[in-house]
Amino acid sequence: MTVPEQMASLRRAIRRLLTERLGEQTSRPFMQLLALKSIADGVRSQAAIAERLLVDAPAVSRLVARLEEDGLVKRSIAEDRRCARLELSPAGQTELNLLSDALRWTDGELLRYLTAREMAEFKRLMDKLLTGLIQARGPVPLEGGCGASDS
C-alpha cells in the first residue's frame, strides 16, 4: 500500500471513530461540525470553507445556510461588500466544543496503540511532510476570495 493509500485509510478509520463518538452527543452531521471548526480557526468566507473541506461552493452555501438557520453561525457584511463574514454564535461554540472534546478523546484512543514518544514522532513527521508540501506547492489558503456563493 502506498503512503497516500495508508493515510487515506487512517483518515477513514479516524473519521469513523469520531463520528461514532459524536453520534452519542449530537445529531449534527460531521461536515457541519467541520465547517464550524473552520470558522473558529479563522476561515471567514464560504469559498475558503469549500477549499478547506474539499467540497464544492454550492454544497458549502447550503451547509452555511443550514448553520445560520439553526442559529450556529452569524453572517455579517465584510469589508468587501460582496462577501459575507462568518462568525460562530454561542450555540455554534457549544457544538464546536463537542467536536473539540471528541478530538481530544480520539487522541487518547490513538495513544492506546502508540506510545507518547511514538505519537510525538508521528506528529513531527506529519508536520515535516506538510511543511515540505506547502513549500513545494504553496499553502492552502485560509481566506479564500469571494464568489457568488459567499453572499
N, C-alpha and C. Protein backbone atom coordinates (compact mmCIF):
# COMPACT_ATOMS: atom_id res chain seq x y z
N MET A 1 0.85 -1.17 0.00
CA MET A 1 0.00 0.00 0.00
C MET A 1 0.90 1.24 0.00
N THR A 2 0.54 2.21 -0.81
CA THR A 2 1.33 3.44 -0.86
C THR A 2 1.03 4.32 0.35
N VAL A 3 1.92 5.29 0.59
CA VAL A 3 1.70 6.22 1.71
C VAL A 3 0.37 6.96 1.57
N PRO A 4 0.03 7.50 0.38
CA PRO A 4 -1.28 8.16 0.28
C PRO A 4 -2.44 7.21 0.59
N GLU A 5 -2.34 5.96 0.17
CA GLU A 5 -3.40 5.00 0.46
C GLU A 5 -3.48 4.72 1.97
N GLN A 6 -2.33 4.60 2.61
CA GLN A 6 -2.31 4.37 4.06
C GLN A 6 -2.90 5.57 4.80
N MET A 7 -2.53 6.79 4.36
CA MET A 7 -3.05 7.99 5.00
C MET A 7 -4.57 8.07 4.82
N ALA A 8 -5.06 7.73 3.64
CA ALA A 8 -6.50 7.76 3.38
C ALA A 8 -7.23 6.73 4.25
N SER A 9 -6.65 5.55 4.39
CA SER A 9 -7.26 4.53 5.24
C SER A 9 -7.29 4.96 6.70
N LEU A 10 -6.19 5.55 7.15
CA LEU A 10 -6.12 6.05 8.52
C LEU A 10 -7.15 7.16 8.74
N ARG A 11 -7.27 8.04 7.76
CA ARG A 11 -8.24 9.14 7.84
C ARG A 11 -9.66 8.59 7.96
N ARG A 12 -9.98 7.59 7.16
CA ARG A 12 -11.32 6.99 7.22
C ARG A 12 -11.58 6.34 8.58
N ALA A 13 -10.57 5.64 9.11
CA ALA A 13 -10.73 4.97 10.41
C ALA A 13 -10.92 6.01 11.53
N ILE A 14 -10.17 7.08 11.47
CA ILE A 14 -10.30 8.13 12.49
C ILE A 14 -11.64 8.83 12.36
N ARG A 15 -12.06 9.10 11.14
CA ARG A 15 -13.36 9.76 10.94
C ARG A 15 -14.49 8.87 11.46
N ARG A 16 -14.41 7.57 11.21
CA ARG A 16 -15.43 6.65 11.72
C ARG A 16 -15.47 6.67 13.24
N LEU A 17 -14.30 6.65 13.87
CA LEU A 17 -14.20 6.71 15.33
C LEU A 17 -14.82 8.00 15.87
N LEU A 18 -14.47 9.13 15.23
CA LEU A 18 -15.01 10.42 15.64
C LEU A 18 -16.53 10.48 15.45
N THR A 19 -17.00 10.00 14.32
CA THR A 19 -18.43 10.03 14.02
C THR A 19 -19.21 9.21 15.04
N GLU A 20 -18.69 8.04 15.40
CA GLU A 20 -19.35 7.22 16.41
C GLU A 20 -19.39 7.93 17.75
N ARG A 21 -18.30 8.55 18.14
CA ARG A 21 -18.23 9.27 19.41
C ARG A 21 -19.19 10.46 19.41
N LEU A 22 -19.19 11.22 18.34
CA LEU A 22 -20.05 12.40 18.25
C LEU A 22 -21.52 12.01 18.17
N GLY A 23 -21.82 10.87 17.56
CA GLY A 23 -23.19 10.40 17.45
C GLY A 23 -23.84 10.19 18.81
N GLU A 24 -23.03 9.97 19.83
CA GLU A 24 -23.54 9.80 21.19
C GLU A 24 -23.92 11.14 21.81
N GLN A 25 -23.43 12.25 21.22
CA GLN A 25 -23.59 13.57 21.85
C GLN A 25 -24.38 14.58 21.03
N THR A 26 -24.43 14.41 19.73
CA THR A 26 -25.13 15.37 18.87
C THR A 26 -25.64 14.67 17.63
N SER A 27 -26.70 15.21 17.08
CA SER A 27 -27.22 14.67 15.82
C SER A 27 -26.70 15.49 14.64
N ARG A 28 -25.88 16.49 14.93
CA ARG A 28 -25.35 17.37 13.88
C ARG A 28 -24.41 16.58 12.98
N PRO A 29 -24.57 16.69 11.66
CA PRO A 29 -23.66 15.99 10.73
C PRO A 29 -22.20 16.43 10.91
N PHE A 30 -21.31 15.49 10.71
CA PHE A 30 -19.88 15.73 10.90
C PHE A 30 -19.39 16.88 10.04
N MET A 31 -19.87 16.98 8.80
CA MET A 31 -19.42 18.06 7.91
C MET A 31 -19.80 19.43 8.48
N GLN A 32 -20.95 19.54 9.11
CA GLN A 32 -21.33 20.81 9.72
C GLN A 32 -20.39 21.15 10.87
N LEU A 33 -20.02 20.15 11.65
CA LEU A 33 -19.07 20.39 12.75
C LEU A 33 -17.71 20.83 12.20
N LEU A 34 -17.29 20.22 11.10
CA LEU A 34 -16.01 20.63 10.49
C LEU A 34 -16.09 22.07 9.97
N ALA A 35 -17.23 22.46 9.45
CA ALA A 35 -17.40 23.85 8.99
C ALA A 35 -17.32 24.80 10.18
N LEU A 36 -17.94 24.43 11.30
CA LEU A 36 -17.85 25.27 12.50
C LEU A 36 -16.40 25.40 12.96
N LYS A 37 -15.66 24.30 12.90
CA LYS A 37 -14.24 24.34 13.29
C LYS A 37 -13.45 25.24 12.34
N SER A 38 -13.74 25.18 11.07
CA SER A 38 -13.06 26.04 10.10
C SER A 38 -13.30 27.52 10.43
N ILE A 39 -14.54 27.84 10.74
CA ILE A 39 -14.87 29.23 11.08
C ILE A 39 -14.16 29.64 12.36
N ALA A 40 -14.15 28.76 13.35
CA ALA A 40 -13.45 29.05 14.61
C ALA A 40 -11.95 29.21 14.39
N ASP A 41 -11.41 28.51 13.40
CA ASP A 41 -9.97 28.59 13.10
C ASP A 41 -9.61 29.83 12.28
N GLY A 42 -10.60 30.66 11.96
CA GLY A 42 -10.32 31.90 11.26
C GLY A 42 -10.76 31.96 9.81
N VAL A 43 -11.34 30.89 9.31
CA VAL A 43 -11.84 30.90 7.94
C VAL A 43 -13.14 31.68 7.96
N ARG A 44 -13.24 32.72 7.14
CA ARG A 44 -14.39 33.61 7.21
C ARG A 44 -15.27 33.63 5.98
N SER A 45 -14.84 33.04 4.89
CA SER A 45 -15.66 33.06 3.68
C SER A 45 -16.06 31.65 3.29
N GLN A 46 -17.17 31.56 2.59
CA GLN A 46 -17.65 30.26 2.13
C GLN A 46 -16.69 29.64 1.13
N ALA A 47 -16.07 30.46 0.30
CA ALA A 47 -15.11 29.93 -0.67
C ALA A 47 -13.94 29.26 0.04
N ALA A 48 -13.47 29.87 1.13
CA ALA A 48 -12.36 29.29 1.88
C ALA A 48 -12.78 28.01 2.60
N ILE A 49 -14.01 27.98 3.08
CA ILE A 49 -14.51 26.74 3.71
C ILE A 49 -14.58 25.63 2.67
N ALA A 50 -15.07 25.94 1.49
CA ALA A 50 -15.14 24.94 0.42
C ALA A 50 -13.75 24.39 0.11
N GLU A 51 -12.77 25.27 0.02
CA GLU A 51 -11.39 24.86 -0.24
C GLU A 51 -10.88 23.96 0.87
N ARG A 52 -11.12 24.35 2.10
CA ARG A 52 -10.60 23.61 3.24
C ARG A 52 -11.27 22.24 3.40
N LEU A 53 -12.57 22.17 3.16
CA LEU A 53 -13.29 20.92 3.34
C LEU A 53 -13.34 20.06 2.08
N LEU A 54 -12.77 20.58 0.99
CA LEU A 54 -12.72 19.87 -0.28
C LEU A 54 -14.11 19.52 -0.80
N VAL A 55 -15.00 20.51 -0.73
CA VAL A 55 -16.35 20.35 -1.28
C VAL A 55 -16.64 21.53 -2.20
N ASP A 56 -17.66 21.40 -3.03
CA ASP A 56 -17.96 22.48 -3.97
C ASP A 56 -18.70 23.63 -3.29
N ALA A 57 -18.65 24.79 -3.91
CA ALA A 57 -19.22 26.01 -3.35
C ALA A 57 -20.73 25.89 -3.08
N PRO A 58 -21.52 25.31 -3.99
CA PRO A 58 -22.95 25.18 -3.70
C PRO A 58 -23.23 24.35 -2.44
N ALA A 59 -22.45 23.30 -2.23
CA ALA A 59 -22.63 22.47 -1.02
C ALA A 59 -22.34 23.28 0.23
N VAL A 60 -21.30 24.10 0.19
CA VAL A 60 -20.96 24.93 1.35
C VAL A 60 -22.02 26.01 1.56
N SER A 61 -22.54 26.54 0.47
CA SER A 61 -23.60 27.54 0.58
C SER A 61 -24.81 26.96 1.33
N ARG A 62 -25.21 25.75 0.97
CA ARG A 62 -26.32 25.08 1.65
C ARG A 62 -25.97 24.76 3.10
N LEU A 63 -24.74 24.31 3.32
CA LEU A 63 -24.29 23.96 4.66
C LEU A 63 -24.32 25.20 5.57
N VAL A 64 -23.77 26.32 5.10
CA VAL A 64 -23.74 27.54 5.89
C VAL A 64 -25.16 28.08 6.12
N ALA A 65 -26.01 27.97 5.11
CA ALA A 65 -27.40 28.41 5.26
C ALA A 65 -28.08 27.61 6.38
N ARG A 66 -27.81 26.32 6.42
CA ARG A 66 -28.39 25.47 7.48
C ARG A 66 -27.84 25.85 8.85
N LEU A 67 -26.53 26.10 8.93
CA LEU A 67 -25.93 26.50 10.20
C LEU A 67 -26.51 27.84 10.67
N GLU A 68 -26.72 28.74 9.73
CA GLU A 68 -27.32 30.04 10.08
C GLU A 68 -28.77 29.85 10.52
N GLU A 69 -29.50 29.04 9.80
CA GLU A 69 -30.90 28.76 10.14
C GLU A 69 -31.02 28.15 11.53
N ASP A 70 -30.07 27.31 11.88
CA ASP A 70 -30.06 26.65 13.20
C ASP A 70 -29.48 27.54 14.30
N GLY A 71 -29.06 28.76 13.93
CA GLY A 71 -28.55 29.70 14.92
C GLY A 71 -27.13 29.44 15.38
N LEU A 72 -26.35 28.71 14.57
CA LEU A 72 -24.98 28.37 14.96
C LEU A 72 -23.94 29.31 14.37
N VAL A 73 -24.32 29.99 13.29
CA VAL A 73 -23.40 30.88 12.57
C VAL A 73 -24.12 32.19 12.30
N LYS A 74 -23.35 33.27 12.38
CA LYS A 74 -23.87 34.59 12.03
C LYS A 74 -23.12 35.08 10.80
N ARG A 75 -23.87 35.69 9.89
CA ARG A 75 -23.25 36.31 8.72
C ARG A 75 -23.29 37.82 8.92
N SER A 76 -22.20 38.46 8.56
CA SER A 76 -22.19 39.92 8.56
C SER A 76 -21.46 40.38 7.31
N ILE A 77 -21.68 41.60 6.93
CA ILE A 77 -21.04 42.13 5.73
C ILE A 77 -19.57 42.39 6.04
N ALA A 78 -18.72 41.90 5.17
CA ALA A 78 -17.28 42.09 5.32
C ALA A 78 -16.87 43.41 4.68
N GLU A 79 -15.59 43.73 4.78
CA GLU A 79 -15.07 44.96 4.17
C GLU A 79 -15.40 44.99 2.68
N ASP A 80 -15.21 43.88 2.03
CA ASP A 80 -15.60 43.75 0.63
C ASP A 80 -17.08 43.38 0.65
N ARG A 81 -17.94 44.29 0.29
CA ARG A 81 -19.38 44.13 0.45
C ARG A 81 -19.94 42.93 -0.32
N ARG A 82 -19.15 42.37 -1.25
CA ARG A 82 -19.61 41.19 -1.98
C ARG A 82 -19.51 39.94 -1.13
N CYS A 83 -18.81 40.03 -0.01
CA CYS A 83 -18.56 38.87 0.84
C CYS A 83 -19.40 38.91 2.11
N ALA A 84 -19.70 37.75 2.62
CA ALA A 84 -20.32 37.64 3.94
C ALA A 84 -19.26 37.10 4.88
N ARG A 85 -19.07 37.76 5.99
CA ARG A 85 -18.11 37.31 7.02
C ARG A 85 -18.85 36.37 7.96
N LEU A 86 -18.29 35.23 8.23
CA LEU A 86 -18.92 34.21 9.06
C LEU A 86 -18.31 34.19 10.46
N GLU A 87 -19.18 34.10 11.45
CA GLU A 87 -18.73 34.01 12.85
C GLU A 87 -19.63 33.03 13.59
N LEU A 88 -19.04 32.35 14.58
CA LEU A 88 -19.81 31.42 15.39
C LEU A 88 -20.69 32.18 16.37
N SER A 89 -21.88 31.66 16.57
CA SER A 89 -22.75 32.17 17.64
C SER A 89 -22.39 31.38 18.91
N PRO A 90 -22.92 31.79 20.06
CA PRO A 90 -22.69 30.99 21.28
C PRO A 90 -23.17 29.54 21.11
N ALA A 91 -24.30 29.34 20.43
CA ALA A 91 -24.78 27.97 20.19
C ALA A 91 -23.80 27.20 19.29
N GLY A 92 -23.22 27.88 18.32
CA GLY A 92 -22.22 27.26 17.46
C GLY A 92 -20.98 26.87 18.24
N GLN A 93 -20.59 27.71 19.19
CA GLN A 93 -19.43 27.41 20.04
C GLN A 93 -19.71 26.17 20.88
N THR A 94 -20.94 26.01 21.35
CA THR A 94 -21.31 24.83 22.14
C THR A 94 -21.15 23.56 21.30
N GLU A 95 -21.63 23.61 20.05
CA GLU A 95 -21.48 22.45 19.16
C GLU A 95 -20.00 22.19 18.86
N LEU A 96 -19.25 23.27 18.65
CA LEU A 96 -17.82 23.12 18.39
C LEU A 96 -17.12 22.47 19.58
N ASN A 97 -17.53 22.80 20.78
CA ASN A 97 -16.93 22.20 21.98
C ASN A 97 -17.10 20.69 21.98
N LEU A 98 -18.23 20.21 21.46
CA LEU A 98 -18.44 18.76 21.36
C LEU A 98 -17.39 18.14 20.44
N LEU A 99 -17.14 18.80 19.31
CA LEU A 99 -16.12 18.30 18.38
C LEU A 99 -14.74 18.34 19.02
N SER A 100 -14.43 19.44 19.69
CA SER A 100 -13.12 19.57 20.35
C SER A 100 -12.91 18.47 21.38
N ASP A 101 -13.95 18.20 22.18
CA ASP A 101 -13.86 17.12 23.17
C ASP A 101 -13.65 15.77 22.49
N ALA A 102 -14.37 15.55 21.39
CA ALA A 102 -14.23 14.28 20.66
C ALA A 102 -12.84 14.14 20.05
N LEU A 103 -12.27 15.25 19.58
CA LEU A 103 -10.92 15.20 19.02
C LEU A 103 -9.89 14.86 20.10
N ARG A 104 -10.04 15.46 21.28
CA ARG A 104 -9.12 15.13 22.38
C ARG A 104 -9.29 13.67 22.81
N TRP A 105 -10.54 13.20 22.86
CA TRP A 105 -10.80 11.81 23.20
C TRP A 105 -10.13 10.89 22.18
N THR A 106 -10.22 11.26 20.90
CA THR A 106 -9.61 10.46 19.83
C THR A 106 -8.10 10.40 19.99
N ASP A 107 -7.50 11.52 20.37
CA ASP A 107 -6.05 11.49 20.65
C ASP A 107 -5.74 10.44 21.71
N GLY A 108 -6.57 10.40 22.74
CA GLY A 108 -6.39 9.39 23.80
C GLY A 108 -6.54 7.98 23.27
N GLU A 109 -7.51 7.78 22.39
CA GLU A 109 -7.70 6.46 21.80
C GLU A 109 -6.48 6.05 20.97
N LEU A 110 -5.91 6.99 20.24
CA LEU A 110 -4.73 6.68 19.43
C LEU A 110 -3.55 6.29 20.32
N LEU A 111 -3.50 6.87 21.51
CA LEU A 111 -2.41 6.54 22.44
C LEU A 111 -2.56 5.13 23.01
N ARG A 112 -3.68 4.49 22.74
CA ARG A 112 -3.81 3.08 23.12
C ARG A 112 -2.94 2.21 22.22
N TYR A 113 -2.59 2.72 21.03
CA TYR A 113 -1.85 1.94 20.04
C TYR A 113 -0.44 2.46 19.81
N LEU A 114 -0.18 3.68 20.24
CA LEU A 114 1.15 4.28 20.13
C LEU A 114 1.57 4.80 21.49
N THR A 115 2.84 4.73 21.77
CA THR A 115 3.34 5.35 23.00
C THR A 115 3.34 6.86 22.81
N ALA A 116 3.50 7.57 23.89
CA ALA A 116 3.56 9.04 23.82
C ALA A 116 4.73 9.46 22.92
N ARG A 117 5.84 8.76 23.02
CA ARG A 117 7.01 9.07 22.18
C ARG A 117 6.71 8.81 20.70
N GLU A 118 6.05 7.68 20.40
CA GLU A 118 5.68 7.37 19.02
C GLU A 118 4.69 8.41 18.48
N MET A 119 3.75 8.83 19.32
CA MET A 119 2.77 9.84 18.88
C MET A 119 3.48 11.16 18.58
N ALA A 120 4.40 11.55 19.43
CA ALA A 120 5.16 12.79 19.19
C ALA A 120 5.94 12.68 17.87
N GLU A 121 6.54 11.54 17.62
CA GLU A 121 7.29 11.33 16.39
C GLU A 121 6.36 11.33 15.18
N PHE A 122 5.21 10.71 15.31
CA PHE A 122 4.22 10.68 14.23
C PHE A 122 3.78 12.11 13.88
N LYS A 123 3.49 12.91 14.90
CA LYS A 123 3.10 14.30 14.67
C LYS A 123 4.24 15.09 14.03
N ARG A 124 5.46 14.84 14.49
CA ARG A 124 6.62 15.54 13.93
C ARG A 124 6.77 15.21 12.45
N LEU A 125 6.62 13.93 12.11
CA LEU A 125 6.75 13.51 10.71
C LEU A 125 5.62 14.08 9.84
N MET A 126 4.40 14.12 10.38
CA MET A 126 3.30 14.70 9.60
C MET A 126 3.55 16.19 9.38
N ASP A 127 4.02 16.89 10.41
CA ASP A 127 4.35 18.32 10.25
C ASP A 127 5.44 18.52 9.21
N LYS A 128 6.43 17.64 9.23
CA LYS A 128 7.53 17.74 8.27
C LYS A 128 7.02 17.55 6.84
N LEU A 129 6.16 16.55 6.64
CA LEU A 129 5.58 16.33 5.32
C LEU A 129 4.73 17.52 4.88
N LEU A 130 3.91 18.03 5.77
CA LEU A 130 3.05 19.16 5.45
C LEU A 130 3.88 20.39 5.09
N THR A 131 4.88 20.66 5.88
CA THR A 131 5.76 21.80 5.61
C THR A 131 6.42 21.65 4.24
N GLY A 132 6.92 20.46 3.94
CA GLY A 132 7.56 20.22 2.64
C GLY A 132 6.59 20.40 1.49
N LEU A 133 5.39 19.88 1.63
CA LEU A 133 4.40 20.01 0.57
C LEU A 133 3.97 21.46 0.38
N ILE A 134 3.84 22.20 1.47
CA ILE A 134 3.47 23.61 1.37
C ILE A 134 4.59 24.40 0.69
N GLN A 135 5.82 24.11 1.06
CA GLN A 135 6.95 24.81 0.44
C GLN A 135 7.03 24.49 -1.05
N ALA A 136 6.71 23.27 -1.41
CA ALA A 136 6.79 22.87 -2.81
C ALA A 136 5.61 23.39 -3.63
N ARG A 137 4.44 23.44 -3.04
CA ARG A 137 3.22 23.76 -3.79
C ARG A 137 2.54 25.04 -3.35
N GLY A 138 2.89 25.57 -2.20
CA GLY A 138 2.21 26.75 -1.68
C GLY A 138 1.11 26.35 -0.71
N PRO A 139 0.79 27.23 0.21
CA PRO A 139 -0.20 26.89 1.24
C PRO A 139 -1.61 26.84 0.67
N VAL A 140 -2.45 26.06 1.32
CA VAL A 140 -3.87 26.08 1.04
C VAL A 140 -4.40 27.32 1.73
N PRO A 141 -5.04 28.21 1.02
CA PRO A 141 -5.45 29.49 1.62
C PRO A 141 -6.49 29.32 2.71
N LEU A 142 -6.30 30.02 3.84
CA LEU A 142 -7.30 30.06 4.89
C LEU A 142 -8.42 31.01 4.49
N GLU A 143 -8.05 32.11 3.91
CA GLU A 143 -9.03 33.11 3.49
C GLU A 143 -9.15 33.03 1.99
N GLY A 144 -10.26 32.53 1.51
CA GLY A 144 -10.49 32.45 0.08
C GLY A 144 -11.14 33.70 -0.42
N GLY A 145 -11.06 33.90 -1.72
CA GLY A 145 -11.75 35.02 -2.32
C GLY A 145 -13.23 34.79 -2.28
N CYS A 146 -13.96 35.84 -2.56
CA CYS A 146 -15.42 35.73 -2.53
C CYS A 146 -15.92 35.35 -3.90
N GLY A 147 -16.83 34.44 -3.89
CA GLY A 147 -17.52 34.07 -5.11
C GLY A 147 -18.99 34.35 -4.95
N ALA A 148 -19.77 34.02 -5.92
CA ALA A 148 -21.20 34.30 -5.87
C ALA A 148 -21.86 33.59 -4.69
N SER A 149 -21.29 32.46 -4.27
CA SER A 149 -21.91 31.72 -3.19
C SER A 149 -21.60 32.28 -1.82
N ASP A 150 -20.73 33.29 -1.73
CA ASP A 150 -20.34 33.83 -0.44
C ASP A 150 -21.27 34.91 0.07
N SER A 151 -22.15 35.37 -0.73
CA SER A 151 -23.02 36.44 -0.26
C SER A 151 -24.26 35.93 0.42
